[in-house]
Amino acid sequence: MRTTYDKIADAKYIKISAKASRRGVVARTECLSDWLNIDYDKQGNVYGIEVLAASLHPVTVLVDQGSIVIREDSRRPVKPNLQAGRIPVAV
């Protein structure tokens, strides 16, 4: 997992996948809220997580045994039950 932050855009990107970054690796993006997007590869696995207005939305991402939990600083899940069956992880 690798995190990058763009100060100008105030955006954080958390790359979950071990796949090399290259153009076209993201097949689709799911918008979970106005500030949180999940990128998927062609196989439907999570590639990365984009947090917009990151300074307003500090998050913790936990990846464990094929499931992902995204928590805002308040410690409640952003979207409940982000389980491996719904969001497969490719690592």
N, C-alpha and C. Protein backbone atom coordinates (compact mmCIF):
# COMPACT_ATOMS: atom_id res chain seq x y z
N MET A 1 0.86 -1.16 0.00
CA MET A 1 0.00 0.00 0.00
C MET A 1 0.91 1.23 0.00
N ARG A 2 0.54 2.21 -0.82
CA ARG A 2 1.33 3.44 -0.95
C ARG A 2 0.39 4.63 -0.98
N THR A 3 0.73 5.68 -0.25
CA THR A 3 -0.10 6.87 -0.19
C THR A 3 0.65 8.06 -0.76
N THR A 4 -0.05 8.84 -1.59
CA THR A 4 0.50 10.09 -2.10
C THR A 4 -0.49 11.21 -1.78
N TYR A 5 0.02 12.42 -1.65
CA TYR A 5 -0.82 13.57 -1.32
C TYR A 5 -0.45 14.73 -2.22
N ASP A 6 -1.47 15.34 -2.84
CA ASP A 6 -1.28 16.51 -3.69
C ASP A 6 -1.76 17.73 -2.90
N LYS A 7 -0.81 18.59 -2.47
CA LYS A 7 -1.15 19.75 -1.64
C LYS A 7 -2.05 20.74 -2.37
N ILE A 8 -1.78 20.94 -3.65
CA ILE A 8 -2.57 21.92 -4.41
C ILE A 8 -4.02 21.48 -4.54
N ALA A 9 -4.24 20.21 -4.85
CA ALA A 9 -5.61 19.69 -5.01
C ALA A 9 -6.22 19.27 -3.68
N ASP A 10 -5.41 19.18 -2.63
CA ASP A 10 -5.83 18.65 -1.33
C ASP A 10 -6.48 17.28 -1.52
N ALA A 11 -5.77 16.42 -2.25
CA ALA A 11 -6.28 15.08 -2.56
C ALA A 11 -5.24 14.03 -2.15
N LYS A 12 -5.73 12.94 -1.58
CA LYS A 12 -4.87 11.83 -1.18
C LYS A 12 -5.25 10.62 -2.03
N TYR A 13 -4.23 9.85 -2.47
CA TYR A 13 -4.48 8.63 -3.20
C TYR A 13 -3.78 7.49 -2.47
N ILE A 14 -4.55 6.48 -2.13
CA ILE A 14 -4.03 5.31 -1.44
C ILE A 14 -4.06 4.16 -2.42
N LYS A 15 -2.88 3.79 -2.91
CA LYS A 15 -2.76 2.70 -3.89
C LYS A 15 -2.73 1.38 -3.13
N ILE A 16 -3.74 0.55 -3.35
CA ILE A 16 -3.87 -0.74 -2.66
C ILE A 16 -3.15 -1.84 -3.44
N SER A 17 -3.30 -1.82 -4.73
CA SER A 17 -2.78 -2.88 -5.59
C SER A 17 -1.26 -2.86 -5.67
N ALA A 18 -0.69 -4.05 -5.83
CA ALA A 18 0.76 -4.16 -6.05
C ALA A 18 1.10 -4.03 -7.53
N LYS A 19 0.07 -3.95 -8.39
CA LYS A 19 0.31 -3.81 -9.83
C LYS A 19 1.01 -2.49 -10.11
N ALA A 20 1.87 -2.50 -11.11
CA ALA A 20 2.59 -1.29 -11.50
C ALA A 20 1.62 -0.23 -12.01
N SER A 21 1.90 1.01 -11.68
CA SER A 21 1.07 2.12 -12.16
C SER A 21 1.35 2.34 -13.63
N ARG A 22 0.30 2.39 -14.41
CA ARG A 22 0.43 2.72 -15.83
C ARG A 22 -0.92 3.21 -16.34
N ARG A 23 -0.88 3.87 -17.45
CA ARG A 23 -2.09 4.43 -18.04
C ARG A 23 -3.05 3.28 -18.40
N GLY A 24 -4.32 3.44 -18.04
CA GLY A 24 -5.33 2.47 -18.40
C GLY A 24 -5.52 1.33 -17.42
N VAL A 25 -4.78 1.32 -16.30
CA VAL A 25 -4.94 0.23 -15.34
C VAL A 25 -6.27 0.33 -14.59
N VAL A 26 -6.80 1.53 -14.42
CA VAL A 26 -8.10 1.72 -13.76
C VAL A 26 -9.20 1.58 -14.79
N ALA A 27 -10.06 0.57 -14.58
CA ALA A 27 -11.15 0.31 -15.53
C ALA A 27 -12.41 1.08 -15.19
N ARG A 28 -12.66 1.27 -13.89
CA ARG A 28 -13.85 2.04 -13.49
C ARG A 28 -13.63 2.63 -12.11
N THR A 29 -14.41 3.65 -11.81
CA THR A 29 -14.35 4.33 -10.52
C THR A 29 -15.74 4.37 -9.92
N GLU A 30 -15.84 4.00 -8.64
CA GLU A 30 -17.10 4.05 -7.91
C GLU A 30 -17.03 5.23 -6.95
N CYS A 31 -18.01 6.11 -7.04
CA CYS A 31 -18.09 7.27 -6.17
C CYS A 31 -18.90 6.89 -4.93
N LEU A 32 -18.26 6.79 -3.77
CA LEU A 32 -18.97 6.44 -2.53
C LEU A 32 -19.57 7.66 -1.85
N SER A 33 -18.97 8.83 -2.08
CA SER A 33 -19.49 10.08 -1.55
C SER A 33 -18.91 11.21 -2.40
N ASP A 34 -19.21 12.44 -2.05
CA ASP A 34 -18.67 13.55 -2.84
C ASP A 34 -17.17 13.74 -2.63
N TRP A 35 -16.59 13.01 -1.68
CA TRP A 35 -15.16 13.15 -1.41
C TRP A 35 -14.38 11.83 -1.45
N LEU A 36 -15.06 10.71 -1.71
CA LEU A 36 -14.40 9.41 -1.66
C LEU A 36 -14.71 8.58 -2.91
N ASN A 37 -13.65 8.17 -3.63
CA ASN A 37 -13.78 7.37 -4.85
C ASN A 37 -12.93 6.11 -4.73
N ILE A 38 -13.44 4.99 -5.25
CA ILE A 38 -12.71 3.73 -5.27
C ILE A 38 -12.42 3.38 -6.73
N ASP A 39 -11.16 3.15 -7.07
CA ASP A 39 -10.75 2.74 -8.42
C ASP A 39 -10.60 1.23 -8.48
N TYR A 40 -11.12 0.63 -9.57
CA TYR A 40 -11.06 -0.81 -9.78
C TYR A 40 -10.26 -1.11 -11.05
N ASP A 41 -9.55 -2.24 -11.05
CA ASP A 41 -8.87 -2.67 -12.27
C ASP A 41 -9.83 -3.46 -13.15
N LYS A 42 -9.35 -3.98 -14.27
CA LYS A 42 -10.21 -4.70 -15.22
C LYS A 42 -10.79 -5.99 -14.65
N GLN A 43 -10.12 -6.56 -13.64
CA GLN A 43 -10.61 -7.80 -13.01
C GLN A 43 -11.61 -7.51 -11.89
N GLY A 44 -11.88 -6.24 -11.60
CA GLY A 44 -12.83 -5.87 -10.56
C GLY A 44 -12.23 -5.76 -9.17
N ASN A 45 -10.89 -5.81 -9.09
CA ASN A 45 -10.21 -5.65 -7.81
C ASN A 45 -9.95 -4.19 -7.52
N VAL A 46 -9.93 -3.83 -6.24
CA VAL A 46 -9.62 -2.45 -5.87
C VAL A 46 -8.18 -2.14 -6.25
N TYR A 47 -8.01 -1.05 -6.99
CA TYR A 47 -6.67 -0.59 -7.35
C TYR A 47 -6.23 0.50 -6.38
N GLY A 48 -7.14 1.42 -6.08
CA GLY A 48 -6.77 2.51 -5.18
C GLY A 48 -7.98 3.26 -4.67
N ILE A 49 -7.73 4.12 -3.69
CA ILE A 49 -8.78 4.91 -3.05
C ILE A 49 -8.36 6.37 -3.13
N GLU A 50 -9.26 7.21 -3.64
CA GLU A 50 -9.01 8.64 -3.76
C GLU A 50 -9.84 9.39 -2.73
N VAL A 51 -9.18 10.23 -1.95
CA VAL A 51 -9.85 11.05 -0.94
C VAL A 51 -9.71 12.51 -1.36
N LEU A 52 -10.82 13.13 -1.73
CA LEU A 52 -10.83 14.54 -2.10
C LEU A 52 -11.06 15.38 -0.85
N ALA A 53 -10.61 16.62 -0.86
CA ALA A 53 -10.68 17.48 0.32
C ALA A 53 -10.12 16.71 1.52
N ALA A 54 -8.94 16.14 1.32
CA ALA A 54 -8.34 15.24 2.30
C ALA A 54 -8.10 15.90 3.66
N SER A 55 -7.82 17.18 3.68
CA SER A 55 -7.60 17.86 4.96
C SER A 55 -8.88 17.92 5.80
N LEU A 56 -10.03 17.84 5.14
CA LEU A 56 -11.31 17.83 5.85
C LEU A 56 -11.78 16.42 6.18
N HIS A 57 -11.18 15.41 5.54
CA HIS A 57 -11.62 14.02 5.70
C HIS A 57 -10.42 13.11 5.99
N PRO A 58 -9.85 13.21 7.19
CA PRO A 58 -8.77 12.28 7.50
C PRO A 58 -9.32 10.86 7.59
N VAL A 59 -8.67 9.93 6.91
CA VAL A 59 -9.16 8.55 6.89
C VAL A 59 -8.06 7.58 7.27
N THR A 60 -8.50 6.42 7.74
CA THR A 60 -7.63 5.28 7.98
C THR A 60 -8.13 4.16 7.10
N VAL A 61 -7.23 3.50 6.38
CA VAL A 61 -7.59 2.38 5.53
C VAL A 61 -6.95 1.12 6.11
N LEU A 62 -7.78 0.13 6.40
CA LEU A 62 -7.31 -1.14 6.93
C LEU A 62 -7.55 -2.22 5.89
N VAL A 63 -6.49 -2.94 5.52
CA VAL A 63 -6.60 -4.07 4.59
C VAL A 63 -6.18 -5.31 5.35
N ASP A 64 -7.11 -6.26 5.46
CA ASP A 64 -6.81 -7.46 6.24
C ASP A 64 -7.55 -8.65 5.66
N GLN A 65 -6.83 -9.67 5.28
CA GLN A 65 -7.39 -10.93 4.80
C GLN A 65 -8.46 -10.72 3.73
N GLY A 66 -8.14 -9.89 2.75
CA GLY A 66 -9.03 -9.72 1.61
C GLY A 66 -10.18 -8.76 1.81
N SER A 67 -10.24 -8.03 2.90
CA SER A 67 -11.29 -7.03 3.07
C SER A 67 -10.67 -5.66 3.33
N ILE A 68 -11.44 -4.64 3.02
CA ILE A 68 -10.99 -3.26 3.21
C ILE A 68 -12.00 -2.54 4.08
N VAL A 69 -11.49 -1.83 5.08
CA VAL A 69 -12.34 -0.97 5.91
C VAL A 69 -11.77 0.43 5.81
N ILE A 70 -12.62 1.38 5.46
CA ILE A 70 -12.23 2.79 5.36
C ILE A 70 -12.93 3.51 6.50
N ARG A 71 -12.14 4.14 7.36
CA ARG A 71 -12.73 4.85 8.50
C ARG A 71 -12.34 6.33 8.44
N GLU A 72 -13.34 7.17 8.66
CA GLU A 72 -13.07 8.57 8.80
C GLU A 72 -12.51 8.78 10.21
N ASP A 73 -11.95 9.91 10.51
CA ASP A 73 -11.31 10.16 11.80
C ASP A 73 -12.25 9.87 12.97
N SER A 74 -13.54 9.91 12.74
CA SER A 74 -14.52 9.65 13.80
C SER A 74 -14.55 8.17 14.19
N ARG A 75 -13.87 7.32 13.42
CA ARG A 75 -13.73 5.88 13.66
C ARG A 75 -14.96 5.05 13.28
N ARG A 76 -15.91 5.65 12.61
CA ARG A 76 -17.02 4.85 12.10
C ARG A 76 -16.77 4.56 10.62
N PRO A 77 -17.13 3.38 10.13
CA PRO A 77 -16.88 3.05 8.72
C PRO A 77 -17.59 4.02 7.78
N VAL A 78 -16.91 4.38 6.70
CA VAL A 78 -17.50 5.25 5.68
C VAL A 78 -18.66 4.55 5.00
N LYS A 79 -18.48 3.30 4.65
CA LYS A 79 -19.53 2.50 4.05
C LYS A 79 -19.45 1.13 4.72
N PRO A 80 -20.50 0.72 5.41
CA PRO A 80 -20.41 -0.53 6.17
C PRO A 80 -20.21 -1.75 5.29
N ASN A 81 -19.55 -2.74 5.85
CA ASN A 81 -19.38 -4.06 5.24
C ASN A 81 -18.65 -4.02 3.90
N LEU A 82 -17.54 -3.34 3.84
CA LEU A 82 -16.72 -3.40 2.63
C LEU A 82 -15.94 -4.71 2.71
N GLN A 83 -16.58 -5.79 2.36
CA GLN A 83 -16.00 -7.12 2.49
C GLN A 83 -15.39 -7.57 1.17
N ALA A 84 -14.60 -8.62 1.23
CA ALA A 84 -13.89 -9.12 0.06
C ALA A 84 -14.84 -9.48 -1.08
N GLY A 85 -16.03 -9.97 -0.77
CA GLY A 85 -16.98 -10.33 -1.82
C GLY A 85 -17.46 -9.12 -2.59
N ARG A 86 -17.48 -7.98 -1.94
CA ARG A 86 -17.95 -6.76 -2.59
C ARG A 86 -16.81 -5.92 -3.13
N ILE A 87 -15.68 -5.94 -2.45
CA ILE A 87 -14.52 -5.19 -2.91
C ILE A 87 -13.30 -6.10 -2.81
N PRO A 88 -13.05 -6.90 -3.85
CA PRO A 88 -11.88 -7.79 -3.82
C PRO A 88 -10.58 -7.00 -3.87
N VAL A 89 -9.59 -7.49 -3.18
CA VAL A 89 -8.31 -6.81 -3.11
C VAL A 89 -7.28 -7.61 -3.89
N ALA A 90 -6.56 -6.94 -4.77
CA ALA A 90 -5.47 -7.59 -5.51
C ALA A 90 -4.16 -7.08 -4.96
N VAL A 91 -3.45 -7.89 -4.22
CA VAL A 91 -2.16 -7.48 -3.65
C VAL A 91 -1.07 -8.43 -4.07
